[in-house]
Amino acid sequence: MKIAIPVDEGILESNVCISFGRTPYFLIYDTETKESVFIDNSAAASTGGAGIKAAQAIVDNKADALLTPRCGENAADVLKAAEIKIFKTTSESIKDNIDAFIEGKLSLLNEIHPGFHGHGGK
């Protein structure tokens, strides 16, 4: 299973990024092979629609799940249409969240916010 996580830096020792759409990078982690791939989030510099573009990047990278502290409504709609489940992170540590996900300890993210829509989400 491939999971995606918004991260502050392109290293495993980095923290989970609080902003999904404007995160600098995404970690794509394969729970079976334990392979980690960091991708640049080209949506981070967008003037608008960053969440939707970021969500499409997750879809394009064939992730099965997203681990994130929060997610906007438009991005969540894109992810749900692609049948990607959204889980709420429980700490800043990438490794802790991956371990919690594998152990089935992360809950689905139910509080989807309306989005910032040009209000600066950074």
PDB file of N, CA and C in Angstrom:
ATOM      1  N   MET A   1       0.844  -1.180   0.000  1.00  0.00           N
ATOM      2  CA  MET A   1       0.000   0.000   0.000  1.00  0.00           C
ATOM      3  C   MET A   1       0.888   1.242   0.000  1.00  0.00           C
ATOM      4  N   LYS A   2       0.521   2.213  -0.810  1.00  0.00           N
ATOM      5  CA  LYS A   2       1.268   3.472  -0.849  1.00  0.00           C
ATOM      6  C   LYS A   2       0.523   4.534  -0.049  1.00  0.00           C
ATOM      7  N   ILE A   3       1.271   5.215   0.827  1.00  0.00           N
ATOM      8  CA  ILE A   3       0.682   6.308   1.594  1.00  0.00           C
ATOM      9  C   ILE A   3       1.422   7.599   1.268  1.00  0.00           C
ATOM     10  N   ALA A   4       0.698   8.692   1.268  1.00  0.00           N
ATOM     11  CA  ALA A   4       1.271  10.013   1.006  1.00  0.00           C
ATOM     12  C   ALA A   4       1.184  10.843   2.277  1.00  0.00           C
ATOM     13  N   ILE A   5       2.229  11.647   2.523  1.00  0.00           N
ATOM     14  CA  ILE A   5       2.264  12.505   3.702  1.00  0.00           C
ATOM     15  C   ILE A   5       2.859  13.851   3.294  1.00  0.00           C
ATOM     16  N   PRO A   6       2.195  14.974   3.633  1.00  0.00           N
ATOM     17  CA  PRO A   6       2.805  16.283   3.380  1.00  0.00           C
ATOM     18  C   PRO A   6       3.934  16.509   4.391  1.00  0.00           C
ATOM     19  N   VAL A   7       5.134  16.859   3.895  1.00  0.00           N
ATOM     20  CA  VAL A   7       6.288  17.014   4.782  1.00  0.00           C
ATOM     21  C   VAL A   7       7.014  18.334   4.526  1.00  0.00           C
ATOM     22  N   ASP A   8       7.684  18.816   5.578  1.00  0.00           N
ATOM     23  CA  ASP A   8       8.399  20.097   5.502  1.00  0.00           C
ATOM     24  C   ASP A   8       9.685  20.024   4.687  1.00  0.00           C
ATOM     25  N   GLU A   9      10.365  18.860   4.733  1.00  0.00           N
ATOM     26  CA  GLU A   9      11.636  18.694   4.030  1.00  0.00           C
ATOM     27  C   GLU A   9      11.657  17.326   3.368  1.00  0.00           C
ATOM     28  N   GLY A  10      12.544  17.153   2.409  1.00  0.00           N
ATOM     29  CA  GLY A  10      12.645  15.899   1.681  1.00  0.00           C
ATOM     30  C   GLY A  10      13.511  14.864   2.365  1.00  0.00           C
ATOM     31  N   ILE A  11      13.354  14.718   3.695  1.00  0.00           N
ATOM     32  CA  ILE A  11      14.099  13.715   4.456  1.00  0.00           C
ATOM     33  C   ILE A  11      13.154  13.062   5.473  1.00  0.00           C
ATOM     34  N   LEU A  12      13.420  11.812   5.810  1.00  0.00           N
ATOM     35  CA  LEU A  12      12.550  11.082   6.738  1.00  0.00           C
ATOM     36  C   LEU A  12      12.539  11.681   8.144  1.00  0.00           C
ATOM     37  N   GLU A  13      13.593  12.412   8.493  1.00  0.00           N
ATOM     38  CA  GLU A  13      13.674  13.013   9.824  1.00  0.00           C
ATOM     39  C   GLU A  13      12.885  14.317   9.903  1.00  0.00           C
ATOM     40  N   SER A  14      12.271  14.712   8.826  1.00  0.00           N
ATOM     41  CA  SER A  14      11.485  15.942   8.782  1.00  0.00           C
ATOM     42  C   SER A  14      10.180  15.769   9.552  1.00  0.00           C
ATOM     43  N   ASN A  15       9.415  16.857   9.641  1.00  0.00           N
ATOM     44  CA  ASN A  15       8.103  16.824  10.283  1.00  0.00           C
ATOM     45  C   ASN A  15       6.988  16.791   9.246  1.00  0.00           C
ATOM     46  N   VAL A  16       5.831  16.333   9.687  1.00  0.00           N
ATOM     47  CA  VAL A  16       4.624  16.415   8.877  1.00  0.00           C
ATOM     48  C   VAL A  16       4.285  17.902   8.729  1.00  0.00           C
ATOM     49  N   CYS A  17       3.960  18.326   7.520  1.00  0.00           N
ATOM     50  CA  CYS A  17       3.602  19.729   7.277  1.00  0.00           C
ATOM     51  C   CYS A  17       2.138  19.964   7.627  1.00  0.00           C
ATOM     52  N   ILE A  18       1.869  21.055   8.321  1.00  0.00           N
ATOM     53  CA  ILE A  18       0.499  21.382   8.752  1.00  0.00           C
ATOM     54  C   ILE A  18      -0.403  21.731   7.560  1.00  0.00           C
ATOM     55  N   SER A  19       0.207  22.203   6.469  1.00  0.00           N
ATOM     56  CA  SER A  19      -0.577  22.622   5.301  1.00  0.00           C
ATOM     57  C   SER A  19      -0.492  21.569   4.204  1.00  0.00           C
ATOM     58  N   PHE A  20      -1.631  21.006   3.837  1.00  0.00           N
ATOM     59  CA  PHE A  20      -1.642  19.997   2.781  1.00  0.00           C
ATOM     60  C   PHE A  20      -1.335  20.617   1.418  1.00  0.00           C
ATOM     61  N   GLY A  21      -2.121  21.591   1.001  1.00  0.00           N
ATOM     62  CA  GLY A  21      -1.982  22.163  -0.341  1.00  0.00           C
ATOM     63  C   GLY A  21      -0.697  22.924  -0.574  1.00  0.00           C
ATOM     64  N   ARG A  22      -0.145  23.509   0.473  1.00  0.00           N
ATOM     65  CA  ARG A  22       1.063  24.339   0.347  1.00  0.00           C
ATOM     66  C   ARG A  22       2.310  23.673   0.912  1.00  0.00           C
ATOM     67  N   THR A  23       2.231  22.381   1.194  1.00  0.00           N
ATOM     68  CA  THR A  23       3.413  21.673   1.680  1.00  0.00           C
ATOM     69  C   THR A  23       4.513  21.716   0.623  1.00  0.00           C
ATOM     70  N   PRO A  24       5.779  21.840   1.036  1.00  0.00           N
ATOM     71  CA  PRO A  24       6.849  21.858   0.026  1.00  0.00           C
ATOM     72  C   PRO A  24       7.036  20.502  -0.673  1.00  0.00           C
ATOM     73  N   TYR A  25       6.818  19.404   0.079  1.00  0.00           N
ATOM     74  CA  TYR A  25       7.057  18.068  -0.459  1.00  0.00           C
ATOM     75  C   TYR A  25       5.980  17.092   0.015  1.00  0.00           C
ATOM     76  N   PHE A  26       5.864  16.013  -0.719  1.00  0.00           N
ATOM     77  CA  PHE A  26       5.078  14.866  -0.282  1.00  0.00           C
ATOM     78  C   PHE A  26       6.011  13.672  -0.197  1.00  0.00           C
ATOM     79  N   LEU A  27       5.851  12.901   0.859  1.00  0.00           N
ATOM     80  CA  LEU A  27       6.518  11.611   0.955  1.00  0.00           C
ATOM     81  C   LEU A  27       5.527  10.574   0.456  1.00  0.00           C
ATOM     82  N   ILE A  28       5.965   9.752  -0.486  1.00  0.00           N
ATOM     83  CA  ILE A  28       5.175   8.598  -0.920  1.00  0.00           C
ATOM     84  C   ILE A  28       5.909   7.385  -0.341  1.00  0.00           C
ATOM     85  N   TYR A  29       5.249   6.722   0.594  1.00  0.00           N
ATOM     86  CA  TYR A  29       5.870   5.601   1.307  1.00  0.00           C
ATOM     87  C   TYR A  29       5.112   4.325   0.989  1.00  0.00           C
ATOM     88  N   ASP A  30       5.856   3.303   0.581  1.00  0.00           N
ATOM     89  CA  ASP A  30       5.267   2.013   0.267  1.00  0.00           C
ATOM     90  C   ASP A  30       5.402   1.112   1.491  1.00  0.00           C
ATOM     91  N   THR A  31       4.273   0.727   2.089  1.00  0.00           N
ATOM     92  CA  THR A  31       4.305  -0.057   3.326  1.00  0.00           C
ATOM     93  C   THR A  31       4.812  -1.486   3.095  1.00  0.00           C
ATOM     94  N   GLU A  32       4.790  -1.962   1.863  1.00  0.00           N
ATOM     95  CA  GLU A  32       5.251  -3.317   1.579  1.00  0.00           C
ATOM     96  C   GLU A  32       6.753  -3.357   1.314  1.00  0.00           C
ATOM     97  N   THR A  33       7.249  -2.448   0.473  1.00  0.00           N
ATOM     98  CA  THR A  33       8.684  -2.446   0.133  1.00  0.00           C
ATOM     99  C   THR A  33       9.481  -1.539   1.072  1.00  0.00           C
ATOM    100  N   LYS A  34       8.810  -0.719   1.851  1.00  0.00           N
ATOM    101  CA  LYS A  34       9.414   0.272   2.750  1.00  0.00           C
ATOM    102  C   LYS A  34      10.199   1.348   1.987  1.00  0.00           C
ATOM    103  N   GLU A  35       9.879   1.504   0.704  1.00  0.00           N
ATOM    104  CA  GLU A  35      10.545   2.507  -0.123  1.00  0.00           C
ATOM    105  C   GLU A  35       9.933   3.888   0.140  1.00  0.00           C
ATOM    106  N   SER A  36      10.808   4.885   0.246  1.00  0.00           N
ATOM    107  CA  SER A  36      10.382   6.273   0.447  1.00  0.00           C
ATOM    108  C   SER A  36      10.780   7.100  -0.764  1.00  0.00           C
ATOM    109  N   VAL A  37       9.821   7.829  -1.320  1.00  0.00           N
ATOM    110  CA  VAL A  37      10.100   8.720  -2.442  1.00  0.00           C
ATOM    111  C   VAL A  37       9.531  10.089  -2.074  1.00  0.00           C
ATOM    112  N   PHE A  38      10.351  11.124  -2.213  1.00  0.00           N
ATOM    113  CA  PHE A  38       9.889  12.483  -1.953  1.00  0.00           C
ATOM    114  C   PHE A  38       9.630  13.173  -3.283  1.00  0.00           C
ATOM    115  N   ILE A  39       8.464  13.799  -3.388  1.00  0.00           N
ATOM    116  CA  ILE A  39       8.147  14.539  -4.611  1.00  0.00           C
ATOM    117  C   ILE A  39       7.910  16.006  -4.257  1.00  0.00           C
ATOM    118  N   ASP A  40       8.333  16.885  -5.155  1.00  0.00           N
ATOM    119  CA  ASP A  40       8.079  18.309  -4.978  1.00  0.00           C
ATOM    120  C   ASP A  40       6.597  18.573  -5.170  1.00  0.00           C
ATOM    121  N   ASN A  41       6.054  19.453  -4.351  1.00  0.00           N
ATOM    122  CA  ASN A  41       4.658  19.853  -4.521  1.00  0.00           C
ATOM    123  C   ASN A  41       4.624  21.114  -5.369  1.00  0.00           C
ATOM    124  N   SER A  42       4.410  20.951  -6.653  1.00  0.00           N
ATOM    125  CA  SER A  42       4.384  22.104  -7.556  1.00  0.00           C
ATOM    126  C   SER A  42       3.213  23.031  -7.256  1.00  0.00           C
ATOM    127  N   ALA A  43       2.205  22.542  -6.543  1.00  0.00           N
ATOM    128  CA  ALA A  43       1.039  23.362  -6.199  1.00  0.00           C
ATOM    129  C   ALA A  43       1.354  24.400  -5.124  1.00  0.00           C
ATOM    130  N   ALA A  44       2.458  24.225  -4.401  1.00  0.00           N
ATOM    131  CA  ALA A  44       2.792  25.122  -3.286  1.00  0.00           C
ATOM    132  C   ALA A  44       2.891  26.582  -3.718  1.00  0.00           C
ATOM    133  N   ALA A  45       3.330  26.817  -4.942  1.00  0.00           N
ATOM    134  CA  ALA A  45       3.502  28.189  -5.431  1.00  0.00           C
ATOM    135  C   ALA A  45       2.272  28.720  -6.164  1.00  0.00           C
ATOM    136  N   SER A  46       1.217  27.938  -6.230  1.00  0.00           N
ATOM    137  CA  SER A  46       0.013  28.355  -6.958  1.00  0.00           C
ATOM    138  C   SER A  46      -0.658  29.547  -6.287  1.00  0.00           C
ATOM    139  N   THR A  47      -1.234  30.409  -7.102  1.00  0.00           N
ATOM    140  CA  THR A  47      -1.968  31.543  -6.540  1.00  0.00           C
ATOM    141  C   THR A  47      -3.342  31.110  -6.053  1.00  0.00           C
ATOM    142  N   GLY A  48      -3.835  30.020  -6.554  1.00  0.00           N
ATOM    143  CA  GLY A  48      -5.134  29.498  -6.125  1.00  0.00           C
ATOM    144  C   GLY A  48      -5.266  28.045  -6.505  1.00  0.00           C
ATOM    145  N   GLY A  49      -6.146  27.352  -5.831  1.00  0.00           N
ATOM    146  CA  GLY A  49      -6.392  25.949  -6.148  1.00  0.00           C
ATOM    147  C   GLY A  49      -5.275  25.011  -5.755  1.00  0.00           C
ATOM    148  N   ALA A  50      -4.449  25.419  -4.786  1.00  0.00           N
ATOM    149  CA  ALA A  50      -3.304  24.597  -4.389  1.00  0.00           C
ATOM    150  C   ALA A  50      -3.748  23.228  -3.871  1.00  0.00           C
ATOM    151  N   GLY A  51      -4.808  23.187  -3.089  1.00  0.00           N
ATOM    152  CA  GLY A  51      -5.273  21.922  -2.533  1.00  0.00           C
ATOM    153  C   GLY A  51      -5.690  20.940  -3.605  1.00  0.00           C
ATOM    154  N   ILE A  52      -6.410  21.429  -4.602  1.00  0.00           N
ATOM    155  CA  ILE A  52      -6.867  20.565  -5.695  1.00  0.00           C
ATOM    156  C   ILE A  52      -5.671  20.035  -6.480  1.00  0.00           C
ATOM    157  N   LYS A  53      -4.708  20.912  -6.774  1.00  0.00           N
ATOM    158  CA  LYS A  53      -3.518  20.497  -7.526  1.00  0.00           C
ATOM    159  C   LYS A  53      -2.688  19.508  -6.713  1.00  0.00           C
ATOM    160  N   ALA A  54      -2.563  19.756  -5.412  1.00  0.00           N
ATOM    161  CA  ALA A  54      -1.809  18.846  -4.543  1.00  0.00           C
ATOM    162  C   ALA A  54      -2.510  17.486  -4.484  1.00  0.00           C
ATOM    163  N   ALA A  55      -3.825  17.501  -4.371  1.00  0.00           N
ATOM    164  CA  ALA A  55      -4.588  16.251  -4.332  1.00  0.00           C
ATOM    165  C   ALA A  55      -4.395  15.469  -5.628  1.00  0.00           C
ATOM    166  N   GLN A  56      -4.366  16.176  -6.757  1.00  0.00           N
ATOM    167  CA  GLN A  56      -4.164  15.501  -8.037  1.00  0.00           C
ATOM    168  C   GLN A  56      -2.783  14.854  -8.090  1.00  0.00           C
ATOM    169  N   ALA A  57      -1.778  15.492  -7.480  1.00  0.00           N
ATOM    170  CA  ALA A  57      -0.429  14.904  -7.430  1.00  0.00           C
ATOM    171  C   ALA A  57      -0.441  13.599  -6.640  1.00  0.00           C
ATOM    172  N   ILE A  58      -1.233  13.555  -5.573  1.00  0.00           N
ATOM    173  CA  ILE A  58      -1.356  12.336  -4.772  1.00  0.00           C
ATOM    174  C   ILE A  58      -2.015  11.240  -5.618  1.00  0.00           C
ATOM    175  N   VAL A  59      -3.062  11.604  -6.358  1.00  0.00           N
ATOM    176  CA  VAL A  59      -3.740  10.654  -7.250  1.00  0.00           C
ATOM    177  C   VAL A  59      -2.758  10.155  -8.316  1.00  0.00           C
ATOM    178  N   ASP A  60      -2.022  11.075  -8.932  1.00  0.00           N
ATOM    179  CA  ASP A  60      -1.089  10.724 -10.010  1.00  0.00           C
ATOM    180  C   ASP A  60       0.023   9.794  -9.532  1.00  0.00           C
ATOM    181  N   ASN A  61       0.379   9.896  -8.246  1.00  0.00           N
ATOM    182  CA  ASN A  61       1.431   9.042  -7.688  1.00  0.00           C
ATOM    183  C   ASN A  61       0.875   7.735  -7.121  1.00  0.00           C
ATOM    184  N   LYS A  62      -0.404   7.492  -7.408  1.00  0.00           N
ATOM    185  CA  LYS A  62      -1.076   6.226  -7.083  1.00  0.00           C
ATOM    186  C   LYS A  62      -1.054   5.868  -5.598  1.00  0.00           C
ATOM    187  N   ALA A  63      -1.211   6.880  -4.747  1.00  0.00           N
ATOM    188  CA  ALA A  63      -1.293   6.620  -3.315  1.00  0.00           C
ATOM    189  C   ALA A  63      -2.652   6.002  -2.991  1.00  0.00           C
ATOM    190  N   ASP A  64      -2.674   5.170  -1.965  1.00  0.00           N
ATOM    191  CA  ASP A  64      -3.916   4.549  -1.507  1.00  0.00           C
ATOM    192  C   ASP A  64      -4.502   5.292  -0.314  1.00  0.00           C
ATOM    193  N   ALA A  65      -3.628   6.032   0.399  1.00  0.00           N
ATOM    194  CA  ALA A  65      -4.061   6.748   1.598  1.00  0.00           C
ATOM    195  C   ALA A  65      -3.231   8.014   1.754  1.00  0.00           C
ATOM    196  N   LEU A  66      -3.819   9.004   2.418  1.00  0.00           N
ATOM    197  CA  LEU A  66      -3.139  10.246   2.749  1.00  0.00           C
ATOM    198  C   LEU A  66      -3.160  10.401   4.262  1.00  0.00           C
ATOM    199  N   LEU A  67      -1.989  10.706   4.844  1.00  0.00           N
ATOM    200  CA  LEU A  67      -1.899  11.000   6.272  1.00  0.00           C
ATOM    201  C   LEU A  67      -1.606  12.489   6.384  1.00  0.00           C
ATOM    202  N   THR A  68      -2.509  13.247   6.998  1.00  0.00           N
ATOM    203  CA  THR A  68      -2.357  14.700   7.058  1.00  0.00           C
ATOM    204  C   THR A  68      -3.074  15.259   8.284  1.00  0.00           C
ATOM    205  N   PRO A  69      -2.585  16.389   8.817  1.00  0.00           N
ATOM    206  CA  PRO A  69      -3.278  16.966   9.973  1.00  0.00           C
ATOM    207  C   PRO A  69      -4.610  17.613   9.602  1.00  0.00           C
ATOM    208  N   ARG A  70      -4.713  18.105   8.364  1.00  0.00           N
ATOM    209  CA  ARG A  70      -5.955  18.745   7.922  1.00  0.00           C
ATOM    210  C   ARG A  70      -6.019  18.738   6.401  1.00  0.00           C
ATOM    211  N   CYS A  71      -7.232  18.944   5.889  1.00  0.00           N
ATOM    212  CA  CYS A  71      -7.424  18.905   4.439  1.00  0.00           C
ATOM    213  C   CYS A  71      -8.646  19.749   4.092  1.00  0.00           C
ATOM    214  N   GLY A  72      -8.531  20.507   3.023  1.00  0.00           N
ATOM    215  CA  GLY A  72      -9.646  21.330   2.573  1.00  0.00           C
ATOM    216  C   GLY A  72     -10.670  20.519   1.793  1.00  0.00           C
ATOM    217  N   GLU A  73     -11.855  21.086   1.722  1.00  0.00           N
ATOM    218  CA  GLU A  73     -12.991  20.410   1.106  1.00  0.00           C
ATOM    219  C   GLU A  73     -12.760  20.039  -0.363  1.00  0.00           C
ATOM    220  N   ASN A  74     -12.239  20.976  -1.154  1.00  0.00           N
ATOM    221  CA  ASN A  74     -12.041  20.706  -2.582  1.00  0.00           C
ATOM    222  C   ASN A  74     -11.008  19.609  -2.803  1.00  0.00           C
ATOM    223  N   ALA A  75      -9.917  19.658  -2.018  1.00  0.00           N
ATOM    224  CA  ALA A  75      -8.890  18.614  -2.123  1.00  0.00           C
ATOM    225  C   ALA A  75      -9.465  17.273  -1.687  1.00  0.00           C
ATOM    226  N   ALA A  76     -10.233  17.273  -0.610  1.00  0.00           N
ATOM    227  CA  ALA A  76     -10.838  16.035  -0.113  1.00  0.00           C
ATOM    228  C   ALA A  76     -11.765  15.424  -1.151  1.00  0.00           C
ATOM    229  N   ASP A  77     -12.484  16.266  -1.889  1.00  0.00           N
ATOM    230  CA  ASP A  77     -13.383  15.768  -2.943  1.00  0.00           C
ATOM    231  C   ASP A  77     -12.598  15.033  -4.032  1.00  0.00           C
ATOM    232  N   VAL A  78     -11.444  15.596  -4.431  1.00  0.00           N
ATOM    233  CA  VAL A  78     -10.595  14.965  -5.449  1.00  0.00           C
ATOM    234  C   VAL A  78     -10.094  13.613  -4.943  1.00  0.00           C
ATOM    235  N   LEU A  79      -9.641  13.590  -3.686  1.00  0.00           N
ATOM    236  CA  LEU A  79      -9.108  12.354  -3.109  1.00  0.00           C
ATOM    237  C   LEU A  79     -10.189  11.292  -2.954  1.00  0.00           C
ATOM    238  N   LYS A  80     -11.357  11.708  -2.499  1.00  0.00           N
ATOM    239  CA  LYS A  80     -12.455  10.757  -2.321  1.00  0.00           C
ATOM    240  C   LYS A  80     -12.905  10.177  -3.660  1.00  0.00           C
ATOM    241  N   ALA A  81     -12.916  11.002  -4.711  1.00  0.00           N
ATOM    242  CA  ALA A  81     -13.303  10.524  -6.041  1.00  0.00           C
ATOM    243  C   ALA A  81     -12.334   9.452  -6.532  1.00  0.00           C
ATOM    244  N   ALA A  82     -11.074   9.546  -6.093  1.00  0.00           N
ATOM    245  CA  ALA A  82     -10.063   8.561  -6.487  1.00  0.00           C
ATOM    246  C   ALA A  82      -9.983   7.416  -5.477  1.00  0.00           C
ATOM    247  N   GLU A  83     -10.914   7.408  -4.512  1.00  0.00           N
ATOM    248  CA  GLU A  83     -10.989   6.375  -3.482  1.00  0.00           C
ATOM    249  C   GLU A  83      -9.723   6.309  -2.625  1.00  0.00           C
ATOM    250  N   ILE A  84      -9.130   7.481  -2.362  1.00  0.00           N
ATOM    251  CA  ILE A  84      -7.978   7.585  -1.472  1.00  0.00           C
ATOM    252  C   ILE A  84      -8.504   7.973  -0.094  1.00  0.00           C
ATOM    253  N   LYS A  85      -8.212   7.157   0.903  1.00  0.00           N
ATOM    254  CA  LYS A  85      -8.681   7.424   2.260  1.00  0.00           C
ATOM    255  C   LYS A  85      -7.765   8.461   2.925  1.00  0.00           C
ATOM    256  N   ILE A  86      -8.374   9.347   3.720  1.00  0.00           N
ATOM    257  CA  ILE A  86      -7.635  10.417   4.396  1.00  0.00           C
ATOM    258  C   ILE A  86      -7.626  10.119   5.895  1.00  0.00           C
ATOM    259  N   PHE A  87      -6.415  10.005   6.444  1.00  0.00           N
ATOM    260  CA  PHE A  87      -6.249   9.720   7.868  1.00  0.00           C
ATOM    261  C   PHE A  87      -5.618  10.913   8.569  1.00  0.00           C
ATOM    262  N   LYS A  88      -5.999  11.134   9.820  1.00  0.00           N
ATOM    263  CA  LYS A  88      -5.493  12.255  10.601  1.00  0.00           C
ATOM    264  C   LYS A  88      -4.191  11.873  11.296  1.00  0.00           C
ATOM    265  N   THR A  89      -3.150  12.685  11.075  1.00  0.00           N
ATOM    266  CA  THR A  89      -1.880  12.453  11.756  1.00  0.00           C
ATOM    267  C   THR A  89      -2.043  12.755  13.247  1.00  0.00           C
ATOM    268  N   THR A  90      -1.194  12.117  14.054  1.00  0.00           N
ATOM    269  CA  THR A  90      -1.303  12.288  15.502  1.00  0.00           C
ATOM    270  C   THR A  90      -0.082  12.954  16.120  1.00  0.00           C
ATOM    271  N   SER A  91       0.977  13.151  15.328  1.00  0.00           N
ATOM    272  CA  SER A  91       2.183  13.802  15.840  1.00  0.00           C
ATOM    273  C   SER A  91       2.899  14.478  14.683  1.00  0.00           C
ATOM    274  N   GLU A  92       4.006  15.157  14.985  1.00  0.00           N
ATOM    275  CA  GLU A  92       4.780  15.801  13.926  1.00  0.00           C
ATOM    276  C   GLU A  92       5.722  14.828  13.224  1.00  0.00           C
ATOM    277  N   SER A  93       6.038  13.712  13.871  1.00  0.00           N
ATOM    278  CA  SER A  93       7.015  12.758  13.354  1.00  0.00           C
ATOM    279  C   SER A  93       6.453  11.934  12.195  1.00  0.00           C
ATOM    280  N   ILE A  94       7.179  11.934  11.088  1.00  0.00           N
ATOM    281  CA  ILE A  94       6.784  11.121   9.939  1.00  0.00           C
ATOM    282  C   ILE A  94       6.754   9.647  10.337  1.00  0.00           C
ATOM    283  N   LYS A  95       7.839   9.180  10.950  1.00  0.00           N
ATOM    284  CA  LYS A  95       7.960   7.768  11.321  1.00  0.00           C
ATOM    285  C   LYS A  95       6.850   7.346  12.283  1.00  0.00           C
ATOM    286  N   ASP A  96       6.557   8.168  13.289  1.00  0.00           N
ATOM    287  CA  ASP A  96       5.506   7.821  14.248  1.00  0.00           C
ATOM    288  C   ASP A  96       4.159   7.654  13.548  1.00  0.00           C
ATOM    289  N   ASN A  97       3.879   8.516  12.585  1.00  0.00           N
ATOM    290  CA  ASN A  97       2.602   8.444  11.869  1.00  0.00           C
ATOM    291  C   ASN A  97       2.543   7.222  10.947  1.00  0.00           C
ATOM    292  N   ILE A  98       3.657   6.902  10.305  1.00  0.00           N
ATOM    293  CA  ILE A  98       3.693   5.698   9.461  1.00  0.00           C
ATOM    294  C   ILE A  98       3.465   4.461  10.331  1.00  0.00           C
ATOM    295  N   ASP A  99       4.173   4.397  11.465  1.00  0.00           N
ATOM    296  CA  ASP A  99       4.010   3.254  12.368  1.00  0.00           C
ATOM    297  C   ASP A  99       2.575   3.152  12.879  1.00  0.00           C
ATOM    298  N   ALA A 100       1.994   4.290  13.263  1.00  0.00           N
ATOM    299  CA  ALA A 100       0.615   4.297  13.761  1.00  0.00           C
ATOM    300  C   ALA A 100      -0.361   3.848  12.676  1.00  0.00           C
ATOM    301  N   PHE A 101      -0.121   4.268  11.440  1.00  0.00           N
ATOM    302  CA  PHE A 101      -0.984   3.858  10.328  1.00  0.00           C
ATOM    303  C   PHE A 101      -0.909   2.343  10.122  1.00  0.00           C
ATOM    304  N   ILE A 102       0.318   1.809  10.077  1.00  0.00           N
ATOM    305  CA  ILE A 102       0.506   0.377   9.859  1.00  0.00           C
ATOM    306  C   ILE A 102      -0.152  -0.434  10.975  1.00  0.00           C
ATOM    307  N   GLU A 103      -0.100   0.105  12.199  1.00  0.00           N
ATOM    308  CA  GLU A 103      -0.700  -0.580  13.350  1.00  0.00           C
ATOM    309  C   GLU A 103      -2.210  -0.349  13.455  1.00  0.00           C
ATOM    310  N   GLY A 104      -2.777   0.416  12.518  1.00  0.00           N
ATOM    311  CA  GLY A 104      -4.216   0.674  12.520  1.00  0.00           C
ATOM    312  C   GLY A 104      -4.672   1.650  13.594  1.00  0.00           C
ATOM    313  N   LYS A 105      -3.770   2.515  14.040  1.00  0.00           N
ATOM    314  CA  LYS A 105      -4.088   3.425  15.141  1.00  0.00           C
ATOM    315  C   LYS A 105      -4.499   4.830  14.701  1.00  0.00           C
ATOM    316  N   LEU A 106      -4.442   5.125  13.409  1.00  0.00           N
ATOM    317  CA  LEU A 106      -4.863   6.447  12.936  1.00  0.00           C
ATOM    318  C   LEU A 106      -6.336   6.402  12.557  1.00  0.00           C
ATOM    319  N   SER A 107      -7.051   7.449  12.919  1.00  0.00           N
ATOM    320  CA  SER A 107      -8.469   7.500  12.561  1.00  0.00           C
ATOM    321  C   SER A 107      -8.652   8.286  11.259  1.00  0.00           C
ATOM    322  N   LEU A 108      -9.763   8.039  10.609  1.00  0.00           N
ATOM    323  CA  LEU A 108     -10.085   8.791   9.395  1.00  0.00           C
ATOM    324  C   LEU A 108     -10.259  10.261   9.752  1.00  0.00           C
ATOM    325  N   LEU A 109      -9.811  11.135   8.860  1.00  0.00           N
ATOM    326  CA  LEU A 109      -9.958  12.580   9.072  1.00  0.00           C
ATOM    327  C   LEU A 109     -11.394  12.955   8.727  1.00  0.00           C
ATOM    328  N   ASN A 110     -12.146  13.341   9.725  1.00  0.00           N
ATOM    329  CA  ASN A 110     -13.553  13.700   9.514  1.00  0.00           C
ATOM    330  C   ASN A 110     -13.786  15.194   9.471  1.00  0.00           C
ATOM    331  N   GLU A 111     -12.872  15.982  10.039  1.00  0.00           N
ATOM    332  CA  GLU A 111     -13.070  17.437  10.057  1.00  0.00           C
ATOM    333  C   GLU A 111     -12.440  18.051   8.809  1.00  0.00           C
ATOM    334  N   ILE A 112     -13.167  18.042   7.728  1.00  0.00           N
ATOM    335  CA  ILE A 112     -12.702  18.651   6.483  1.00  0.00           C
ATOM    336  C   ILE A 112     -13.120  20.124   6.516  1.00  0.00           C
ATOM    337  N   HIS A 113     -12.120  21.020   6.399  1.00  0.00           N
ATOM    338  CA  HIS A 113     -12.455  22.449   6.458  1.00  0.00           C
ATOM    339  C   HIS A 113     -12.810  22.977   5.076  1.00  0.00           C
ATOM    340  N   PRO A 114     -13.518  24.126   5.025  1.00  0.00           N
ATOM    341  CA  PRO A 114     -13.970  24.651   3.735  1.00  0.00           C
ATOM    342  C   PRO A 114     -12.846  25.063   2.807  1.00  0.00           C
ATOM    343  N   GLY A 115     -11.626  25.226   3.304  1.00  0.00           N
ATOM    344  CA  GLY A 115     -10.513  25.686   2.484  1.00  0.00           C
ATOM    345  C   GLY A 115     -10.268  27.160   2.721  1.00  0.00           C
ATOM    346  N   PHE A 116      -9.092  27.610   2.311  1.00  0.00           N
ATOM    347  CA  PHE A 116      -8.720  29.005   2.584  1.00  0.00           C
ATOM    348  C   PHE A 116      -9.078  29.917   1.422  1.00  0.00           C
ATOM    349  N   HIS A 117      -9.181  29.382   0.228  1.00  0.00           N
ATOM    350  CA  HIS A 117      -9.644  30.134  -0.945  1.00  0.00           C
ATOM    351  C   HIS A 117      -9.033  31.522  -1.030  1.00  0.00           C
ATOM    352  N   GLY A 118      -7.702  31.563  -1.186  1.00  0.00           N
ATOM    353  CA  GLY A 118      -7.031  32.838  -1.399  1.00  0.00           C
ATOM    354  C   GLY A 118      -6.766  33.628  -0.126  1.00  0.00           C
ATOM    355  N   HIS A 119      -6.967  33.010   1.039  1.00  0.00           N
ATOM    356  CA  HIS A 119      -6.725  33.728   2.289  1.00  0.00           C
ATOM    357  C   HIS A 119      -5.343  33.437   2.834  1.00  0.00           C
ATOM    358  N   GLY A 120      -4.459  32.974   2.022  1.00  0.00           N
ATOM    359  CA  GLY A 120      -3.066  32.785   2.434  1.00  0.00           C
ATOM    360  C   GLY A 120      -2.782  31.514   3.156  1.00  0.00           C
ATOM    361  N   GLY A 121      -3.259  30.454   3.204  1.00  0.00           N
ATOM    362  CA  GLY A 121      -3.066  29.267   3.995  1.00  0.00           C
ATOM    363  C   GLY A 121      -1.674  28.928   4.487  1.00  0.00           C
ATOM    364  N   LYS A 122      -0.682  29.814   4.319  1.00  0.00           N
ATOM    365  CA  LYS A 122       0.671  29.458   4.707  1.00  0.00           C
ATOM    366  C   LYS A 122       0.977  29.787   6.123  1.00  0.00           C
TER     367      LYS A 122
END
